[in-house]
Each structure stands twice: as C-alpha cells, then as structure tokens.
Amino acid sequence: MSKKITSGGKLPAITLSTVNAGEITLGKVKKPGNWQIVTVYRGLHCPICHKYLARMEELKEDFEKLGVELLAVSGDPVEKAEKMVDEHELTIPVAYGLSIGEMKELGLYISEPRSKEETDRPFAEPATFAVNAEGKLQLIELSNTPFNRADLGELIESVQWVQENDYPIRGTFEA
C-alpha cells in the first residue's frame, strides 16, 4: 500500500543515479532558492512518456528562467534510461532504478505489465511533484493511467503565477 504524500510537506529524500547528471536527490536543488519539478514517467515502453519527455526538453529553458530544476525519474534500469536519453537527446537529468518501495514511499500508483512485450517489471504511473524554493511540496499530481499528466505549458504558467503572487500551498486542511 502506497502512503499519501502531504501537501506542504517534504518530498522523500530519495537519491538516484542519473544517465546524464550524476546522483540526484529528490527534493534537493543544486542552486539555493530554486524550485525542483520531479516528473515520474512510466518507462521506455511508454510512447506517451517519449512525447512527454521530448516536450519537457523543448521547454527546459522556460523552466530554467523561473529557477526550476527539472528531473525525470523512472523504475527503468540504466540501459532503458540511457536509450530514452539517447533517442530524444535529453539534457534534463533522467534518473533510473526507482524501486517498488520508493514508488510506494512517493505514493505512486504502480502497475503490472500487460505482457512481456510491454516491459519486464512493475512500473510507476505518471506523477509530478513541484518542490518550491522553501523545499516544500507546492504541487502534487498523481495519475493511475498513462493519459492523465500535468500539461507542461500550464505547469510553467502555474509556477510563474505562484511565484509572482505568493500563492499559498493548497490541500493542507486536516480535520
């Protein structure tokens, strides 16, 4: 059973190797005051993930102008993550090897492959976590299907609006 990530809380500090940027820790930025957007993608087997990560690469500079550090993460092994990076000439950090336990720690939906042709292991469904400059979770979007994901153009606009208007973290009410 996955646990629920808390709005305004901290992202679990999971450290993963990346194809192109050494080790990266979720929720930890390289430059103080930056945001980090962690995008969990299903894996190399997912055609929608290919399009999504290619689009993220196209918008990388727009995110960087807002002080946002991007990170794509999957449970794929290094070979599959390398192939994803190579196929799309990705310069955004792409982390690999997210374990089932770490997927649960992040509160992700996890699916079994439909067939051996699809992939050879359970995988996380898409998710987006935006960690603000204070290191708190500002935005959490979880999906149980490949089709529901944060629109990257809207995500840029949302981060900019939150930054410019000091918009509070939502979803923190506890009865």
N, C-alpha and C. Protein backbone atom coordinates (compact mmCIF):
# COMPACT_ATOMS: atom_id res chain seq x y z
N MET A 1 0.84 -1.18 0.00
CA MET A 1 0.00 0.00 0.00
C MET A 1 0.88 1.24 0.00
N SER A 2 0.63 2.15 -0.93
CA SER A 2 1.37 3.41 -1.00
C SER A 2 0.86 4.37 0.06
N LYS A 3 1.74 5.23 0.55
CA LYS A 3 1.31 6.23 1.51
C LYS A 3 1.05 7.55 0.79
N LYS A 4 0.26 8.39 1.41
CA LYS A 4 -0.09 9.67 0.82
C LYS A 4 0.98 10.70 1.13
N ILE A 5 1.44 11.40 0.10
CA ILE A 5 2.40 12.49 0.26
C ILE A 5 1.61 13.71 0.72
N THR A 6 2.17 14.48 1.64
CA THR A 6 1.45 15.61 2.23
C THR A 6 1.79 16.92 1.54
N SER A 7 0.76 17.63 1.13
CA SER A 7 0.90 18.96 0.57
C SER A 7 1.56 19.86 1.60
N GLY A 8 2.59 20.58 1.18
CA GLY A 8 3.31 21.44 2.11
C GLY A 8 4.40 20.72 2.87
N GLY A 9 4.44 19.40 2.73
CA GLY A 9 5.47 18.61 3.38
C GLY A 9 6.73 18.52 2.53
N LYS A 10 7.54 17.57 2.86
CA LYS A 10 8.79 17.35 2.13
C LYS A 10 8.65 16.12 1.23
N LEU A 11 9.30 16.17 0.10
CA LEU A 11 9.40 15.01 -0.77
C LEU A 11 10.40 14.05 -0.13
N PRO A 12 10.12 12.76 -0.09
CA PRO A 12 11.11 11.84 0.46
C PRO A 12 12.46 12.04 -0.23
N ALA A 13 13.51 12.12 0.54
CA ALA A 13 14.85 12.41 0.01
C ALA A 13 15.48 11.14 -0.55
N ILE A 14 14.96 10.71 -1.68
CA ILE A 14 15.46 9.51 -2.36
C ILE A 14 16.58 9.94 -3.30
N THR A 15 17.72 9.30 -3.18
CA THR A 15 18.86 9.60 -4.04
C THR A 15 18.97 8.53 -5.11
N LEU A 16 19.03 8.98 -6.36
CA LEU A 16 19.11 8.08 -7.51
C LEU A 16 20.24 8.48 -8.43
N SER A 17 20.76 7.51 -9.15
CA SER A 17 21.73 7.80 -10.20
C SER A 17 20.98 8.28 -11.43
N THR A 18 21.63 9.14 -12.20
CA THR A 18 21.05 9.61 -13.45
C THR A 18 21.94 9.19 -14.60
N VAL A 19 21.37 9.21 -15.79
CA VAL A 19 22.12 8.90 -17.00
C VAL A 19 23.12 10.00 -17.29
N ASN A 20 22.73 11.24 -17.01
CA ASN A 20 23.48 12.38 -17.52
C ASN A 20 23.82 13.46 -16.50
N ALA A 21 23.64 13.19 -15.20
CA ALA A 21 23.89 14.26 -14.21
C ALA A 21 24.39 13.73 -12.86
N GLY A 22 25.01 12.57 -12.83
CA GLY A 22 25.48 12.02 -11.56
C GLY A 22 24.33 11.59 -10.68
N GLU A 23 24.50 11.69 -9.38
CA GLU A 23 23.43 11.35 -8.44
C GLU A 23 22.60 12.59 -8.14
N ILE A 24 21.30 12.39 -7.98
CA ILE A 24 20.39 13.48 -7.64
C ILE A 24 19.46 13.00 -6.54
N THR A 25 19.17 13.91 -5.63
CA THR A 25 18.25 13.61 -4.54
C THR A 25 16.94 14.35 -4.78
N LEU A 26 15.84 13.61 -4.72
CA LEU A 26 14.53 14.22 -4.89
C LEU A 26 14.31 15.26 -3.79
N GLY A 27 13.84 16.43 -4.19
CA GLY A 27 13.56 17.50 -3.24
C GLY A 27 14.76 18.35 -2.88
N LYS A 28 15.93 18.04 -3.42
CA LYS A 28 17.14 18.80 -3.12
C LYS A 28 17.64 19.49 -4.39
N VAL A 29 17.65 20.82 -4.36
CA VAL A 29 18.08 21.58 -5.54
C VAL A 29 19.58 21.82 -5.52
N LYS A 30 20.12 22.06 -6.70
CA LYS A 30 21.55 22.35 -6.81
C LYS A 30 21.84 23.80 -6.44
N LYS A 31 20.90 24.69 -6.78
CA LYS A 31 21.10 26.11 -6.51
C LYS A 31 20.06 26.56 -5.49
N PRO A 32 20.50 27.05 -4.32
CA PRO A 32 19.54 27.52 -3.30
C PRO A 32 18.56 28.53 -3.87
N GLY A 33 17.30 28.40 -3.46
CA GLY A 33 16.25 29.30 -3.93
C GLY A 33 15.53 28.82 -5.16
N ASN A 34 16.04 27.77 -5.80
CA ASN A 34 15.37 27.21 -6.97
C ASN A 34 14.23 26.30 -6.55
N TRP A 35 13.37 26.03 -7.50
CA TRP A 35 12.34 25.00 -7.38
C TRP A 35 12.89 23.73 -8.01
N GLN A 36 12.27 22.60 -7.69
CA GLN A 36 12.56 21.35 -8.39
C GLN A 36 11.23 20.74 -8.82
N ILE A 37 11.15 20.38 -10.08
CA ILE A 37 9.98 19.63 -10.55
C ILE A 37 10.45 18.23 -10.90
N VAL A 38 9.89 17.26 -10.16
CA VAL A 38 10.19 15.85 -10.36
C VAL A 38 9.04 15.25 -11.14
N THR A 39 9.36 14.71 -12.30
CA THR A 39 8.36 14.05 -13.13
C THR A 39 8.65 12.56 -13.15
N VAL A 40 7.71 11.78 -12.67
CA VAL A 40 7.84 10.33 -12.72
C VAL A 40 7.21 9.88 -14.03
N TYR A 41 7.99 9.14 -14.82
CA TYR A 41 7.44 8.60 -16.07
C TYR A 41 7.44 7.08 -16.01
N ARG A 42 6.58 6.47 -16.79
CA ARG A 42 6.35 5.03 -16.72
C ARG A 42 7.56 4.21 -17.15
N GLY A 43 8.25 4.66 -18.19
CA GLY A 43 9.42 3.92 -18.66
C GLY A 43 9.54 3.96 -20.16
N LEU A 44 10.60 3.36 -20.66
CA LEU A 44 10.91 3.34 -22.09
C LEU A 44 9.78 2.74 -22.91
N HIS A 45 9.04 1.81 -22.34
CA HIS A 45 7.97 1.12 -23.06
C HIS A 45 6.78 2.03 -23.39
N CYS A 46 6.69 3.20 -22.78
CA CYS A 46 5.50 4.04 -22.88
C CYS A 46 5.65 5.11 -23.97
N PRO A 47 4.90 5.03 -25.07
CA PRO A 47 5.02 6.04 -26.13
C PRO A 47 4.62 7.44 -25.68
N ILE A 48 3.69 7.55 -24.74
CA ILE A 48 3.28 8.86 -24.24
C ILE A 48 4.44 9.49 -23.44
N CYS A 49 5.18 8.67 -22.72
CA CYS A 49 6.34 9.17 -21.97
C CYS A 49 7.40 9.73 -22.92
N HIS A 50 7.59 9.08 -24.06
CA HIS A 50 8.54 9.58 -25.05
C HIS A 50 8.18 11.01 -25.46
N LYS A 51 6.91 11.21 -25.81
CA LYS A 51 6.45 12.54 -26.21
C LYS A 51 6.58 13.55 -25.08
N TYR A 52 6.24 13.10 -23.87
CA TYR A 52 6.24 13.99 -22.72
C TYR A 52 7.65 14.48 -22.39
N LEU A 53 8.60 13.56 -22.36
CA LEU A 53 9.98 13.95 -22.04
C LEU A 53 10.60 14.78 -23.15
N ALA A 54 10.25 14.48 -24.41
CA ALA A 54 10.74 15.31 -25.52
C ALA A 54 10.20 16.74 -25.39
N ARG A 55 8.94 16.87 -25.01
CA ARG A 55 8.34 18.19 -24.81
C ARG A 55 8.97 18.90 -23.61
N MET A 56 9.26 18.17 -22.57
CA MET A 56 9.92 18.75 -21.40
C MET A 56 11.29 19.31 -21.80
N GLU A 57 12.00 18.59 -22.63
CA GLU A 57 13.30 19.07 -23.12
C GLU A 57 13.13 20.37 -23.92
N GLU A 58 12.09 20.43 -24.75
CA GLU A 58 11.82 21.64 -25.54
C GLU A 58 11.56 22.85 -24.63
N LEU A 59 10.92 22.62 -23.50
CA LEU A 59 10.54 23.71 -22.59
C LEU A 59 11.54 23.95 -21.47
N LYS A 60 12.64 23.24 -21.50
CA LYS A 60 13.64 23.31 -20.42
C LYS A 60 14.05 24.75 -20.11
N GLU A 61 14.34 25.54 -21.13
CA GLU A 61 14.78 26.92 -20.90
C GLU A 61 13.69 27.76 -20.24
N ASP A 62 12.43 27.52 -20.59
CA ASP A 62 11.33 28.27 -19.96
C ASP A 62 11.25 27.95 -18.46
N PHE A 63 11.47 26.69 -18.11
CA PHE A 63 11.50 26.32 -16.69
C PHE A 63 12.70 26.95 -16.00
N GLU A 64 13.86 26.91 -16.66
CA GLU A 64 15.08 27.46 -16.06
C GLU A 64 14.95 28.96 -15.80
N LYS A 65 14.25 29.69 -16.66
CA LYS A 65 14.03 31.13 -16.46
C LYS A 65 13.28 31.40 -15.16
N LEU A 66 12.50 30.43 -14.71
CA LEU A 66 11.74 30.56 -13.47
C LEU A 66 12.51 30.00 -12.27
N GLY A 67 13.74 29.56 -12.50
CA GLY A 67 14.52 28.97 -11.42
C GLY A 67 14.05 27.57 -11.07
N VAL A 68 13.62 26.82 -12.08
CA VAL A 68 13.12 25.47 -11.87
C VAL A 68 14.14 24.46 -12.40
N GLU A 69 14.52 23.54 -11.54
CA GLU A 69 15.38 22.42 -11.93
C GLU A 69 14.49 21.23 -12.22
N LEU A 70 14.62 20.66 -13.40
CA LEU A 70 13.80 19.53 -13.82
C LEU A 70 14.50 18.21 -13.51
N LEU A 71 13.71 17.19 -13.25
CA LEU A 71 14.22 15.84 -13.04
C LEU A 71 13.16 14.85 -13.49
N ALA A 72 13.53 13.94 -14.38
CA ALA A 72 12.66 12.85 -14.81
C ALA A 72 13.13 11.57 -14.14
N VAL A 73 12.19 10.76 -13.65
CA VAL A 73 12.52 9.58 -12.85
C VAL A 73 11.67 8.40 -13.30
N SER A 74 12.28 7.22 -13.36
CA SER A 74 11.50 6.00 -13.61
C SER A 74 12.14 4.81 -12.89
N GLY A 75 11.43 3.71 -12.92
CA GLY A 75 11.95 2.46 -12.37
C GLY A 75 12.75 1.67 -13.38
N ASP A 76 12.92 2.21 -14.58
CA ASP A 76 13.71 1.52 -15.60
C ASP A 76 15.13 1.27 -15.12
N PRO A 77 15.76 0.21 -15.63
CA PRO A 77 17.18 0.03 -15.38
C PRO A 77 17.98 1.01 -16.23
N VAL A 78 19.26 1.13 -15.95
CA VAL A 78 20.11 2.11 -16.63
C VAL A 78 20.07 1.98 -18.15
N GLU A 79 20.05 0.77 -18.67
CA GLU A 79 20.08 0.58 -20.13
C GLU A 79 18.86 1.23 -20.80
N LYS A 80 17.69 1.06 -20.20
CA LYS A 80 16.48 1.65 -20.78
C LYS A 80 16.48 3.17 -20.62
N ALA A 81 16.95 3.65 -19.48
CA ALA A 81 17.02 5.10 -19.26
C ALA A 81 18.01 5.73 -20.25
N GLU A 82 19.12 5.07 -20.50
CA GLU A 82 20.10 5.57 -21.47
C GLU A 82 19.49 5.64 -22.87
N LYS A 83 18.70 4.63 -23.21
CA LYS A 83 18.06 4.62 -24.53
C LYS A 83 17.06 5.78 -24.65
N MET A 84 16.31 6.06 -23.59
CA MET A 84 15.36 7.18 -23.60
C MET A 84 16.12 8.49 -23.82
N VAL A 85 17.21 8.68 -23.09
CA VAL A 85 18.02 9.88 -23.22
C VAL A 85 18.58 10.01 -24.64
N ASP A 86 19.12 8.93 -25.15
CA ASP A 86 19.73 8.95 -26.49
C ASP A 86 18.70 9.21 -27.59
N GLU A 87 17.55 8.55 -27.50
CA GLU A 87 16.52 8.70 -28.54
C GLU A 87 16.03 10.13 -28.66
N HIS A 88 16.00 10.86 -27.54
CA HIS A 88 15.44 12.21 -27.55
C HIS A 88 16.48 13.29 -27.26
N GLU A 89 17.75 12.89 -27.21
CA GLU A 89 18.84 13.84 -26.93
C GLU A 89 18.51 14.70 -25.71
N LEU A 90 18.10 14.03 -24.65
CA LEU A 90 17.68 14.73 -23.44
C LEU A 90 18.89 15.27 -22.68
N THR A 91 18.77 16.51 -22.25
CA THR A 91 19.78 17.10 -21.37
C THR A 91 19.22 17.29 -19.96
N ILE A 92 17.91 17.17 -19.81
CA ILE A 92 17.34 17.19 -18.45
C ILE A 92 17.85 15.93 -17.73
N PRO A 93 18.09 16.02 -16.44
CA PRO A 93 18.53 14.83 -15.71
C PRO A 93 17.46 13.74 -15.77
N VAL A 94 17.89 12.52 -16.08
CA VAL A 94 16.99 11.37 -16.15
C VAL A 94 17.52 10.32 -15.18
N ALA A 95 16.77 10.13 -14.09
CA ALA A 95 17.14 9.17 -13.05
C ALA A 95 16.47 7.83 -13.33
N TYR A 96 17.10 6.80 -12.84
CA TYR A 96 16.60 5.45 -13.10
C TYR A 96 16.70 4.60 -11.83
N GLY A 97 16.04 3.44 -11.88
CA GLY A 97 16.16 2.48 -10.79
C GLY A 97 15.28 2.74 -9.59
N LEU A 98 14.21 3.53 -9.75
CA LEU A 98 13.28 3.75 -8.65
C LEU A 98 12.68 2.40 -8.26
N SER A 99 12.87 2.00 -7.02
CA SER A 99 12.40 0.69 -6.56
C SER A 99 10.90 0.72 -6.24
N ILE A 100 10.33 -0.45 -6.13
CA ILE A 100 8.91 -0.56 -5.74
C ILE A 100 8.71 0.11 -4.38
N GLY A 101 9.60 -0.12 -3.44
CA GLY A 101 9.49 0.51 -2.11
C GLY A 101 9.53 2.02 -2.21
N GLU A 102 10.41 2.56 -3.07
CA GLU A 102 10.50 4.02 -3.25
C GLU A 102 9.25 4.56 -3.95
N MET A 103 8.72 3.79 -4.89
CA MET A 103 7.46 4.19 -5.55
C MET A 103 6.36 4.31 -4.50
N LYS A 104 6.29 3.35 -3.61
CA LYS A 104 5.28 3.38 -2.54
C LYS A 104 5.53 4.55 -1.60
N GLU A 105 6.79 4.82 -1.29
CA GLU A 105 7.13 5.93 -0.41
C GLU A 105 6.67 7.26 -1.01
N LEU A 106 6.69 7.36 -2.34
CA LEU A 106 6.24 8.57 -3.04
C LEU A 106 4.73 8.60 -3.24
N GLY A 107 4.05 7.52 -2.86
CA GLY A 107 2.60 7.47 -3.00
C GLY A 107 2.13 7.23 -4.43
N LEU A 108 2.99 6.64 -5.26
CA LEU A 108 2.67 6.46 -6.67
C LEU A 108 1.75 5.27 -6.90
N TYR A 109 0.99 5.35 -7.97
CA TYR A 109 0.26 4.19 -8.45
C TYR A 109 1.26 3.32 -9.20
N ILE A 110 1.15 2.01 -8.99
CA ILE A 110 2.08 1.06 -9.60
C ILE A 110 1.26 0.07 -10.41
N SER A 111 1.75 -0.23 -11.62
CA SER A 111 1.04 -1.17 -12.49
C SER A 111 1.93 -2.35 -12.86
N GLU A 112 1.26 -3.46 -13.10
CA GLU A 112 1.92 -4.65 -13.65
C GLU A 112 1.93 -4.52 -15.17
N PRO A 113 2.94 -5.03 -15.85
CA PRO A 113 2.92 -5.02 -17.31
C PRO A 113 1.74 -5.84 -17.84
N ARG A 114 1.20 -5.41 -18.97
CA ARG A 114 0.11 -6.15 -19.59
C ARG A 114 0.62 -7.41 -20.27
N SER A 115 1.90 -7.37 -20.67
CA SER A 115 2.53 -8.53 -21.32
C SER A 115 4.04 -8.38 -21.22
N LYS A 116 4.76 -9.45 -21.53
CA LYS A 116 6.23 -9.39 -21.51
C LYS A 116 6.74 -8.48 -22.62
N GLU A 117 5.94 -8.28 -23.66
CA GLU A 117 6.32 -7.38 -24.74
C GLU A 117 6.29 -5.91 -24.29
N GLU A 118 5.40 -5.61 -23.35
CA GLU A 118 5.30 -4.23 -22.86
C GLU A 118 6.55 -3.88 -22.06
N THR A 119 6.80 -4.61 -21.00
CA THR A 119 8.01 -4.43 -20.19
C THR A 119 8.14 -5.63 -19.26
N ASP A 120 9.24 -5.70 -18.56
CA ASP A 120 9.55 -6.89 -17.77
C ASP A 120 9.41 -6.72 -16.26
N ARG A 121 8.78 -5.62 -15.81
CA ARG A 121 8.69 -5.37 -14.37
C ARG A 121 7.53 -4.43 -14.06
N PRO A 122 7.05 -4.43 -12.81
CA PRO A 122 6.05 -3.42 -12.42
C PRO A 122 6.67 -2.03 -12.58
N PHE A 123 5.82 -1.05 -12.84
CA PHE A 123 6.31 0.31 -13.08
C PHE A 123 5.36 1.33 -12.46
N ALA A 124 5.91 2.52 -12.20
CA ALA A 124 5.12 3.61 -11.64
C ALA A 124 4.32 4.29 -12.73
N GLU A 125 3.11 4.69 -12.40
CA GLU A 125 2.32 5.52 -13.30
C GLU A 125 2.80 6.97 -13.13
N PRO A 126 2.44 7.86 -14.07
CA PRO A 126 2.97 9.22 -14.05
C PRO A 126 2.62 10.02 -12.80
N ALA A 127 3.54 10.90 -12.44
CA ALA A 127 3.32 11.81 -11.32
C ALA A 127 4.20 13.04 -11.52
N THR A 128 3.76 14.14 -10.93
CA THR A 128 4.54 15.37 -10.94
C THR A 128 4.55 15.93 -9.53
N PHE A 129 5.73 16.28 -9.07
CA PHE A 129 5.90 16.91 -7.76
C PHE A 129 6.67 18.21 -7.98
N ALA A 130 6.10 19.33 -7.54
CA ALA A 130 6.80 20.61 -7.62
C ALA A 130 7.18 21.02 -6.21
N VAL A 131 8.48 21.10 -5.98
CA VAL A 131 9.02 21.49 -4.68
C VAL A 131 9.43 22.96 -4.79
N ASN A 132 8.88 23.80 -3.92
CA ASN A 132 9.13 25.24 -4.02
C ASN A 132 10.50 25.62 -3.44
N ALA A 133 10.80 26.89 -3.47
CA ALA A 133 12.11 27.39 -3.03
C ALA A 133 12.37 27.14 -1.54
N GLU A 134 11.33 26.90 -0.76
CA GLU A 134 11.50 26.58 0.66
C GLU A 134 11.64 25.08 0.89
N GLY A 135 11.62 24.30 -0.19
CA GLY A 135 11.76 22.85 -0.07
C GLY A 135 10.47 22.14 0.28
N LYS A 136 9.33 22.84 0.14
CA LYS A 136 8.02 22.25 0.45
C LYS A 136 7.28 21.86 -0.82
N LEU A 137 6.47 20.82 -0.72
CA LEU A 137 5.67 20.38 -1.86
C LEU A 137 4.56 21.37 -2.14
N GLN A 138 4.68 22.07 -3.25
CA GLN A 138 3.70 23.08 -3.66
C GLN A 138 2.62 22.44 -4.53
N LEU A 139 3.01 21.45 -5.34
CA LEU A 139 2.08 20.84 -6.28
C LEU A 139 2.33 19.34 -6.30
N ILE A 140 1.25 18.59 -6.26
CA ILE A 140 1.32 17.13 -6.34
C ILE A 140 0.27 16.68 -7.35
N GLU A 141 0.71 15.95 -8.34
CA GLU A 141 -0.24 15.39 -9.31
C GLU A 141 0.12 13.93 -9.53
N LEU A 142 -0.83 13.05 -9.19
CA LEU A 142 -0.64 11.62 -9.35
C LEU A 142 -1.66 11.10 -10.35
N SER A 143 -1.23 10.15 -11.17
CA SER A 143 -2.15 9.53 -12.11
C SER A 143 -2.08 8.02 -11.98
N ASN A 144 -3.18 7.37 -12.26
CA ASN A 144 -3.18 5.92 -12.28
C ASN A 144 -3.20 5.38 -13.71
N THR A 145 -3.08 6.27 -14.68
CA THR A 145 -3.07 5.88 -16.09
C THR A 145 -2.00 6.68 -16.84
N PRO A 146 -1.63 6.22 -18.02
CA PRO A 146 -0.63 6.97 -18.78
C PRO A 146 -1.17 8.27 -19.37
N PHE A 147 -2.47 8.46 -19.36
CA PHE A 147 -3.08 9.56 -20.09
C PHE A 147 -3.23 10.86 -19.32
N ASN A 148 -3.31 10.79 -18.00
CA ASN A 148 -3.51 11.99 -17.18
C ASN A 148 -2.17 12.47 -16.65
N ARG A 149 -1.72 13.63 -17.14
CA ARG A 149 -0.44 14.19 -16.72
C ARG A 149 -0.54 15.70 -16.67
N ALA A 150 0.36 16.30 -15.93
CA ALA A 150 0.42 17.77 -15.88
C ALA A 150 0.78 18.28 -17.27
N ASP A 151 -0.01 19.23 -17.77
CA ASP A 151 0.32 19.88 -19.04
C ASP A 151 1.54 20.76 -18.78
N LEU A 152 2.60 20.55 -19.52
CA LEU A 152 3.86 21.24 -19.23
C LEU A 152 3.78 22.75 -19.45
N GLY A 153 3.05 23.18 -20.47
CA GLY A 153 2.87 24.62 -20.68
C GLY A 153 2.12 25.26 -19.53
N GLU A 154 1.06 24.60 -19.07
CA GLU A 154 0.30 25.10 -17.92
C GLU A 154 1.13 25.05 -16.65
N LEU A 155 1.99 24.06 -16.54
CA LEU A 155 2.84 23.95 -15.35
C LEU A 155 3.79 25.15 -15.27
N ILE A 156 4.35 25.54 -16.39
CA ILE A 156 5.21 26.73 -16.42
C ILE A 156 4.42 27.96 -15.96
N GLU A 157 3.23 28.14 -16.54
CA GLU A 157 2.38 29.28 -16.17
C GLU A 157 2.00 29.24 -14.69
N SER A 158 1.69 28.05 -14.20
CA SER A 158 1.30 27.90 -12.79
C SER A 158 2.44 28.26 -11.85
N VAL A 159 3.63 27.76 -12.13
CA VAL A 159 4.78 28.06 -11.27
C VAL A 159 5.04 29.56 -11.28
N GLN A 160 4.99 30.16 -12.46
CA GLN A 160 5.24 31.60 -12.56
C GLN A 160 4.20 32.38 -11.75
N TRP A 161 2.93 32.00 -11.88
CA TRP A 161 1.86 32.69 -11.17
C TRP A 161 2.03 32.54 -9.66
N VAL A 162 2.34 31.33 -9.20
CA VAL A 162 2.54 31.09 -7.77
C VAL A 162 3.69 31.94 -7.26
N GLN A 163 4.78 31.99 -8.02
CA GLN A 163 5.94 32.78 -7.60
C GLN A 163 5.62 34.28 -7.55
N GLU A 164 4.95 34.78 -8.56
CA GLU A 164 4.66 36.22 -8.65
C GLU A 164 3.60 36.67 -7.65
N ASN A 165 2.71 35.75 -7.26
CA ASN A 165 1.59 36.13 -6.40
C ASN A 165 1.67 35.54 -5.00
N ASP A 166 2.79 34.93 -4.68
CA ASP A 166 2.99 34.32 -3.37
C ASP A 166 1.78 33.46 -2.99
N TYR A 167 1.34 32.65 -3.94
CA TYR A 167 0.16 31.81 -3.75
C TYR A 167 0.46 30.71 -2.74
N PRO A 168 -0.43 30.51 -1.78
CA PRO A 168 -0.16 29.53 -0.72
C PRO A 168 -0.27 28.08 -1.22
N ILE A 169 0.31 27.20 -0.46
CA ILE A 169 0.18 25.77 -0.73
C ILE A 169 -1.25 25.36 -0.38
N ARG A 170 -1.89 24.65 -1.27
CA ARG A 170 -3.28 24.25 -1.07
C ARG A 170 -3.35 22.78 -0.65
N GLY A 171 -4.51 22.38 -0.13
CA GLY A 171 -4.75 20.98 0.23
C GLY A 171 -4.14 20.59 1.56
N THR A 172 -4.02 21.53 2.47
CA THR A 172 -3.38 21.26 3.74
C THR A 172 -4.36 21.11 4.91
N PHE A 173 -5.66 21.22 4.65
CA PHE A 173 -6.66 21.15 5.71
C PHE A 173 -6.65 19.76 6.35
N GLU A 174 -6.66 19.75 7.67
CA GLU A 174 -6.77 18.49 8.42
C GLU A 174 -7.90 18.66 9.43
N ALA A 175 -8.83 17.76 9.41
CA ALA A 175 -9.98 17.83 10.33
C ALA A 175 -9.60 17.47 11.74
